[in-house]
Protein backbone atom coordinates (compact mmCIF):
# COMPACT_ATOMS: atom_id res chain seq x y z
CA MET A 1 21.60 -8.16 24.94
CA GLN A 2 18.37 -7.12 24.30
CA THR A 3 15.49 -9.42 23.33
CA THR A 4 12.24 -8.47 21.64
CA GLU A 5 8.88 -10.77 20.60
CA PHE A 6 7.07 -9.75 17.31
CA LEU A 7 3.97 -11.01 15.56
CA LEU A 8 4.68 -11.38 12.14
CA LYS A 9 1.82 -9.22 11.15
CA SER A 10 4.16 -6.51 12.79
CA PHE A 11 6.30 -5.85 9.54
CA PRO A 12 5.54 -4.09 6.85
CA PHE A 13 5.32 -6.21 4.06
CA PRO A 14 2.68 -9.28 2.99
CA SER A 15 2.58 -12.85 4.92
CA GLY A 16 1.50 -14.65 2.00
CA ALA A 17 0.28 -18.26 2.92
CA PHE A 18 2.23 -17.22 6.84
CA ASP A 19 0.59 -17.59 9.48
CA ASP A 20 0.17 -13.62 10.81
CA GLU A 21 0.02 -14.62 14.53
CA MET A 22 3.09 -16.61 14.12
CA LYS A 23 5.89 -15.18 16.68
CA ILE A 24 9.52 -14.19 16.11
CA GLN A 25 12.24 -12.97 18.67
CA VAL A 26 14.46 -11.06 17.81
CA HIS A 27 18.37 -10.57 20.10
CA GLU A 28 19.95 -7.56 18.99
CA GLU A 29 23.51 -6.10 20.93
CA THR A 30 25.20 -3.11 19.62
CA TYR A 31 28.84 -2.32 20.49
CA VAL A 32 29.92 0.44 22.65
CA GLY A 33 32.41 2.24 20.77
CA SER A 34 32.26 0.94 17.40
CA LEU A 35 31.37 3.15 14.52
CA ASP A 36 28.13 3.80 12.58
CA PRO A 37 27.44 0.52 10.09
CA VAL A 38 28.14 0.94 6.27
CA ALA A 39 26.72 -2.46 5.34
CA SER A 40 24.77 -4.50 6.52
CA PHE A 41 25.11 -8.21 6.07
CA ILE A 42 21.50 -10.34 6.19
CA VAL A 43 22.44 -14.08 6.24
CA PRO A 44 19.50 -16.67 6.45
CA VAL A 45 19.65 -19.84 7.83
CA HIS A 46 18.46 -22.93 7.56
CA ASN A 47 19.97 -25.90 9.58
CA GLN A 48 23.24 -25.37 8.10
CA GLU A 49 25.43 -25.98 12.27
CA SER A 50 28.30 -27.68 10.62
CA MET A 51 29.35 -24.71 8.66
CA ILE A 52 27.52 -21.31 10.04
CA VAL A 53 30.04 -20.41 12.96
CA GLY A 54 32.88 -20.62 10.45
CA ASN A 55 30.61 -18.68 7.59
CA LEU A 56 29.77 -15.55 9.93
CA GLU A 57 33.31 -15.05 10.87
CA LEU A 58 34.70 -15.42 7.30
CA ILE A 59 32.43 -12.36 6.54
CA ARG A 60 33.46 -10.40 9.24
CA GLU A 61 37.39 -11.27 8.59
CA HIS A 62 37.24 -10.86 4.84
CA ALA A 63 34.62 -7.22 5.57
CA ALA A 64 36.83 -4.02 4.87
CA LEU A 65 33.20 -1.40 6.06
CA ASN A 66 31.65 -0.83 9.28
CA HIS A 67 29.42 -3.00 9.36
CA GLU A 68 26.70 -5.06 11.13
CA ILE A 69 24.85 -8.88 10.86
CA VAL A 70 21.50 -9.49 11.06
CA VAL A 71 21.33 -13.32 10.81
CA ILE A 72 17.64 -15.43 10.56
CA ALA A 73 17.27 -18.48 11.77
CA ASP A 74 14.56 -19.79 9.97
CA GLY A 75 12.64 -22.91 11.19
CA CYS A 76 15.91 -24.87 12.20
CA THR A 77 15.63 -28.14 13.57
CA ASP A 78 19.24 -28.89 14.24
CA GLY A 79 21.73 -27.42 16.20
CA SER A 80 22.15 -23.76 14.23
CA LEU A 81 20.03 -21.64 16.82
CA GLU A 82 21.83 -22.86 19.42
CA LYS A 83 25.71 -22.38 17.22
CA ILE A 84 24.52 -18.98 16.23
CA MET A 85 23.72 -17.95 20.19
CA GLY A 86 26.66 -18.81 20.79
CA TRP A 87 28.76 -17.08 18.26
CA PHE A 88 26.76 -13.91 19.00
CA ALA A 89 28.35 -14.02 22.56
CA THR A 90 31.83 -13.95 21.61
CA VAL A 91 30.94 -11.04 19.18
CA ARG A 92 30.71 -8.67 22.07
CA ASN A 93 35.02 -9.89 23.20
CA GLN A 94 36.18 -8.60 19.55
CA PRO A 95 33.65 -6.72 17.83
CA ALA A 96 36.71 -5.54 15.67
CA ARG A 97 34.24 -3.60 12.19
CA THR A 98 31.31 -5.41 14.04
CA ALA A 99 29.17 -2.53 15.00
CA ARG A 100 26.19 -4.94 15.51
CA VAL A 101 24.66 -8.56 15.69
CA VAL A 102 21.13 -9.16 15.40
CA VAL A 103 19.58 -13.02 15.66
CA VAL A 104 16.36 -13.82 14.54
CA GLU A 105 14.76 -16.33 15.66
CA ILE A 106 11.80 -18.23 13.71
CA ARG A 107 10.65 -20.84 14.88
CA GLU A 108 8.11 -22.58 12.22
CA GLY A 109 9.79 -21.13 9.27
CA VAL A 110 8.69 -18.87 6.74
CA PHE A 111 11.99 -19.10 4.06
CA GLU A 112 13.99 -17.28 2.11
CA THR A 113 11.72 -14.15 0.69
CA ILE A 114 10.15 -13.12 4.09
CA SER A 115 13.53 -13.68 6.10
CA ASP A 116 15.40 -11.53 3.95
CA SER A 117 12.52 -9.31 4.54
CA ILE A 118 12.56 -9.49 7.85
CA GLY A 119 16.36 -9.12 8.51
CA ILE A 120 16.68 -6.19 6.04
CA HIS A 121 13.50 -4.28 7.90
CA LEU A 122 15.85 -5.20 11.53
CA SER A 123 19.04 -3.38 9.38
CA PHE A 124 19.54 0.15 8.89
CA ALA A 125 23.07 0.95 7.03
CA PRO A 126 22.86 2.33 3.71
CA LEU A 127 24.63 -0.79 2.20
CA ILE A 128 22.56 -4.04 1.90
CA ILE A 129 24.10 -7.32 1.23
CA GLU A 130 22.24 -10.68 1.36
CA ILE A 131 24.92 -14.09 1.74
CA GLN A 132 23.35 -17.06 1.89
CA ALA A 133 24.42 -19.53 4.27
CA ASP A 134 26.50 -21.79 2.80
CA MET A 135 28.55 -19.47 1.23
CA SER A 136 31.90 -19.05 2.48
CA ILE A 137 33.94 -15.93 1.64
CA GLN A 138 36.96 -16.01 0.36
CA HIS A 139 37.27 -12.57 -0.57
CA PRO A 140 39.04 -9.77 1.15
CA GLY A 141 37.34 -6.61 0.80
CA PHE A 142 34.66 -7.83 -0.78
CA ASP A 143 32.03 -5.49 0.48
CA LYS A 144 33.96 -2.55 -0.01
CA GLU A 145 34.35 -3.73 -3.88
CA LEU A 146 30.58 -3.89 -3.77
CA PHE A 147 30.23 -1.08 -2.41
CA ASP A 148 32.79 0.97 -4.66
CA ALA A 149 30.99 -0.46 -8.18
CA LEU A 150 27.45 0.59 -6.79
CA ALA A 151 28.78 4.88 -5.72
CA LEU A 152 30.39 4.68 -9.38
CA ASN A 153 27.54 2.96 -11.22
CA PRO A 154 24.34 4.87 -10.19
CA ASP A 155 22.35 3.75 -13.10
CA VAL A 156 22.43 0.15 -11.50
CA PHE A 157 20.12 -0.98 -8.94
CA ALA A 158 21.88 -4.42 -8.07
CA VAL A 159 25.38 -5.80 -8.06
CA SER A 160 26.16 -9.99 -7.51
CA GLY A 161 29.41 -11.33 -6.49
CA ARG A 162 27.95 -14.40 -8.15
CA GLY A 163 26.70 -14.04 -11.56
CA ALA A 164 24.17 -12.90 -14.25
CA HIS A 165 21.90 -14.09 -17.11
CA SER A 166 18.97 -13.14 -19.33
CA LEU A 167 15.38 -13.74 -17.96
CA SER A 168 14.33 -15.93 -20.30
CA ARG A 169 17.03 -18.95 -18.13
CA LEU A 170 14.19 -18.72 -15.80
CA PRO A 171 12.25 -22.25 -15.51
CA HIS A 172 8.54 -20.15 -15.54
CA PHE A 173 9.68 -18.43 -19.19
CA ARG A 174 10.50 -21.88 -20.58
CA LEU A 175 7.68 -23.48 -19.64
CA ASN A 176 5.74 -21.05 -20.50
CA SER A 177 7.39 -21.04 -24.34
CA THR A 178 6.65 -22.78 -27.54
CA ARG A 179 8.11 -26.14 -28.34
CA PRO A 180 10.47 -24.82 -30.63
CA ALA A 181 11.59 -22.31 -28.32
CA ARG A 182 12.22 -24.51 -25.77
CA MET A 183 14.30 -26.67 -28.25
CA MET A 184 16.13 -23.28 -29.03
CA ALA A 185 17.30 -22.78 -25.10
CA ALA A 186 18.19 -26.08 -24.54
CA LEU A 187 20.62 -25.56 -27.38
CA GLY A 188 21.76 -21.77 -26.70
CA LEU A 189 22.23 -23.11 -23.08
CA ARG A 190 24.38 -26.00 -24.57
CA ALA A 191 26.34 -24.03 -26.59
CA SER A 192 27.22 -21.15 -23.55
CA ARG A 193 27.97 -23.67 -21.23
CA TRP A 194 30.37 -24.63 -24.11
CA TRP A 195 31.68 -20.99 -24.73
CA ASN A 196 32.50 -20.64 -21.31
CA GLY A 197 34.40 -23.38 -19.48
CA ARG A 198 34.72 -23.28 -16.03
CA ARG A 199 37.42 -20.13 -16.57
CA GLY A 200 34.53 -18.20 -18.08
CA ALA A 201 32.37 -18.91 -15.54
CA TYR A 202 33.93 -16.42 -13.02
CA ILE A 203 35.88 -14.09 -15.75
CA PRO A 204 34.65 -14.08 -19.28
CA SER A 205 36.35 -12.80 -22.59
CA LEU A 206 33.94 -10.84 -24.35
CA ALA A 207 33.27 -13.20 -26.67
CA GLU A 208 31.93 -15.61 -24.06
CA TYR A 209 30.34 -13.04 -22.72
CA LEU A 210 28.24 -12.30 -25.69
CA LEU A 211 27.49 -15.64 -26.74
CA SER A 212 26.52 -16.47 -23.72
CA ASP A 213 23.16 -16.08 -21.86
CA SER A 214 24.45 -16.46 -19.02
CA ILE A 215 27.71 -15.28 -17.09
CA GLY A 216 29.43 -16.50 -12.99
CA ARG A 217 28.17 -19.24 -11.03
CA VAL A 218 24.71 -19.55 -11.82
CA GLY A 219 22.95 -22.81 -11.32
CA ASP A 220 24.66 -25.51 -10.64
CA LEU A 221 27.93 -24.06 -11.60
CA VAL A 222 28.02 -22.00 -7.28
CA ASP A 223 30.28 -25.78 -6.65
CA LEU A 224 32.95 -24.40 -8.78
CA PRO A 225 35.70 -23.66 -6.75
CA THR A 226 36.64 -20.46 -5.79
CA GLN A 227 38.75 -18.63 -8.46
CA LEU A 228 42.05 -17.44 -7.85
CA THR A 229 41.72 -14.18 -10.49
CA LYS A 230 40.26 -10.77 -9.31
CA SER A 231 37.97 -9.43 -11.79
CA SER A 232 38.74 -5.11 -12.60
CA CYS A 233 35.32 -5.52 -15.05
CA LEU A 234 31.47 -5.14 -13.94
CA TYR A 235 29.32 -6.96 -16.43
CA ILE A 236 25.99 -5.56 -17.27
CA HIS A 237 23.53 -7.81 -17.70
CA GLU A 238 19.50 -8.77 -17.39
CA THR A 239 19.41 -10.20 -14.09
CA VAL A 240 21.47 -10.99 -10.99
CA MET A 241 20.90 -13.87 -8.49
CA ARG A 242 21.79 -13.99 -4.89
CA GLY A 243 25.19 -14.96 -3.26
CA PRO A 244 26.21 -12.43 -2.14
CA LEU A 245 23.90 -9.80 -3.82
CA ALA A 246 24.50 -5.83 -2.89
CA PHE A 247 21.76 -2.76 -3.31
CA SER A 248 21.23 -0.01 -1.67
CA ARG A 249 18.55 0.43 1.12
CA GLU A 250 16.96 3.79 -0.75
CA ASN A 251 16.66 2.37 -3.88
CA TYR A 252 15.45 -1.32 -2.45
CA THR A 253 12.94 0.52 0.20
CA SER A 254 11.71 2.35 -2.87
CA LEU A 255 11.08 -0.25 -4.88
CA GLY A 256 9.03 -1.59 -1.47
CA GLY A 257 11.30 -4.17 -1.00
CA PHE A 258 10.95 -8.07 -2.61
CA ASP A 259 7.45 -9.39 -3.11
CA THR A 260 6.24 -11.03 -0.21
CA ALA A 261 2.46 -11.67 -1.38
CA ALA A 262 4.17 -13.50 -4.87
CA PHE A 263 6.99 -15.15 -3.68
CA PHE A 264 8.93 -17.63 -0.98
CA LEU A 265 11.66 -19.09 -2.32
CA GLY A 266 13.96 -18.00 -5.24
CA ASN A 267 12.87 -15.52 -8.25
CA ASP A 268 12.30 -12.56 -6.06
CA ASP A 269 15.75 -11.22 -6.53
CA HIS A 270 14.54 -11.26 -10.54
CA ASP A 271 11.38 -9.96 -9.64
CA LEU A 272 13.12 -7.04 -7.72
CA VAL A 273 15.47 -6.49 -10.48
CA LEU A 274 13.12 -6.17 -13.33
CA ARG A 275 10.74 -3.76 -10.98
CA ALA A 276 13.59 -1.74 -10.90
CA TRP A 277 14.16 -1.31 -14.16
CA ILE A 278 10.81 -0.62 -15.34
CA GLU A 279 10.62 1.48 -12.89
CA LYS A 280 13.83 2.98 -12.57
CA ARG A 281 15.54 2.09 -15.17
CA GLN A 282 18.53 0.78 -13.28
CA LEU A 283 20.55 -2.03 -14.20
CA ALA A 284 21.84 -5.31 -12.73
CA ALA A 285 25.19 -5.99 -12.49
CA TYR A 286 28.08 -9.24 -12.04
CA LEU A 287 31.21 -8.55 -9.82
CA PRO A 288 33.27 -11.66 -9.45
CA ILE A 289 33.44 -12.38 -5.53
CA ARG A 290 35.50 -15.47 -4.46
CA PHE A 291 33.93 -18.03 -2.09
CA ASP A 292 33.12 -21.62 -1.82
CA SER A 293 29.69 -23.09 -1.50
CA PRO A 294 29.34 -26.76 -1.78
CA LEU A 295 26.06 -27.81 -3.43
CA GLU A 296 25.60 -30.29 -0.44
CA ALA A 297 25.78 -27.64 1.67
CA GLY A 298 22.61 -25.89 0.63
CA SER A 299 19.35 -25.99 2.58
CA THR A 300 17.40 -26.64 -0.36
CA ARG A 301 19.13 -30.16 -0.85
CA ALA A 302 18.59 -31.23 2.14
CA VAL A 303 16.60 -34.30 3.01
CA LYS A 304 12.93 -33.46 4.26
CA SER A 305 10.61 -35.17 6.69
CA PRO A 306 7.73 -36.13 5.31
CA ALA A 307 5.73 -33.17 7.74
CA GLU A 308 8.15 -30.98 5.59
CA THR A 309 7.95 -32.13 2.36
CA ARG A 310 3.29 -31.75 2.73
CA ARG A 311 4.32 -28.46 3.82
CA PHE A 312 6.80 -27.31 1.26
CA GLN A 313 4.38 -28.74 -1.21
CA ALA A 314 1.22 -26.62 -0.29
CA LEU A 315 3.56 -23.29 -0.25
CA GLN A 316 4.84 -24.68 -3.80
CA SER A 317 1.07 -24.91 -5.06
CA TYR A 318 0.01 -21.49 -3.06
CA TYR A 319 2.69 -19.58 -4.70
CA VAL A 320 2.06 -20.75 -8.04
CA GLU A 321 -1.05 -19.20 -8.49
CA ALA A 322 0.49 -15.61 -6.18
CA GLU A 323 2.95 -15.12 -8.91
CA ARG A 324 1.14 -14.94 -11.59
CA GLU A 325 0.56 -11.43 -10.08
CA SER A 326 3.97 -10.12 -9.89
CA VAL A 327 5.86 -8.46 -12.31
CA LEU A 328 7.91 -10.83 -13.04
CA SER A 329 5.13 -12.97 -14.39
CA GLN A 330 3.05 -9.90 -16.41
CA HIS A 331 5.89 -8.67 -18.12
CA GLY A 332 8.59 -11.37 -18.29
CA PRO A 333 11.69 -10.76 -20.51
CA THR A 334 10.81 -7.21 -21.53
CA ASN A 335 14.19 -5.82 -21.98
CA GLN A 336 15.15 -5.29 -25.34
CA SER A 337 16.56 -1.48 -24.51
CA ARG A 338 18.69 -3.23 -22.18
CA THR A 339 22.30 -3.95 -23.82
CA ARG A 340 25.17 -5.98 -22.16
CA SER A 341 27.89 -4.48 -21.85
CA ILE A 342 31.66 -4.28 -19.70
CA ARG A 343 32.48 -1.44 -17.42
CA LYS A 344 36.16 -1.03 -16.35
CA LEU A 345 36.35 -0.16 -12.74
CA PRO A 346 38.94 2.45 -11.74
CA ARG A 347 42.23 0.66 -9.94
CA VAL A 348 42.11 3.38 -7.46
CA ARG A 349 38.87 3.13 -5.99
CA ARG A 350 39.05 -0.99 -5.43
CA SER A 351 40.22 -2.35 -2.15
CA THR A 352 43.60 -3.66 -1.80
CA GLN A 353 44.64 -7.40 -0.67
């Protein structure tokens, strides 16, 4: 195992509200005899000691491609880092398809946007798949299916295994709209939930898809139990979110990555997708992937200490202003030319179970 220490300012992206001189330790190991990885799994972790090892092993168990795993232990105050390092030591005994493991240790914590950006920068496989630490993947060959969906659709920038929706669903646009618009949005949301139901949240009918402003496990629907059916369709929509979220390294790099100057937790994925549309006319899509993700397991819902609460509120205040300069805020829902569609994926290219 090799250990290297970096400063936050060493990375090629803005550090936003965080200290440039923050020290970051990187532990990595490449396994002899392993083939070059096709996929990079990026897994940011904050205080999830009870599930992190099991979820990392589920990624390894269900991956069909040679891969590397980059785990970012971001400001963990429980036993998460120790659990991760213990898991790290066991992988070398049976690497299987895992060609490389990297563990990034960030003591103070930089939250999701910079954590993902660091992880992506330290990885090198052509396919990037971001997976949140509270997601237990239950889908054999999920990485191959995401890879094929992108390969078969070069006009698609990102594919989410969790869900997709219109940009107007984002709180930023709802809060800055007029009162009648907010009322219409609320009515539309209720109608979409009625049309979608629990089954439609996974694989909707054409009517459910066209009459709803969202699809998949959006918002609190992430708590639904994993679906049993498998979709052979790719659903094109305005934007998609993490969990698991796949895109090519080439396309990600050409856009300059996540906007770390304007975001620290959330909405950076929507900003990235919108930039892909504006700059490259590339689309976003949803491909249902089976996973479990209980709401209570998410780190953002965990009880915070008074000091953590004060720091979080200060960061929110800073980034509310910073986000005003982002592409997402300045261009908003400008996707009139982007129509929703459903594409059939050839079964011959799909991974088998």
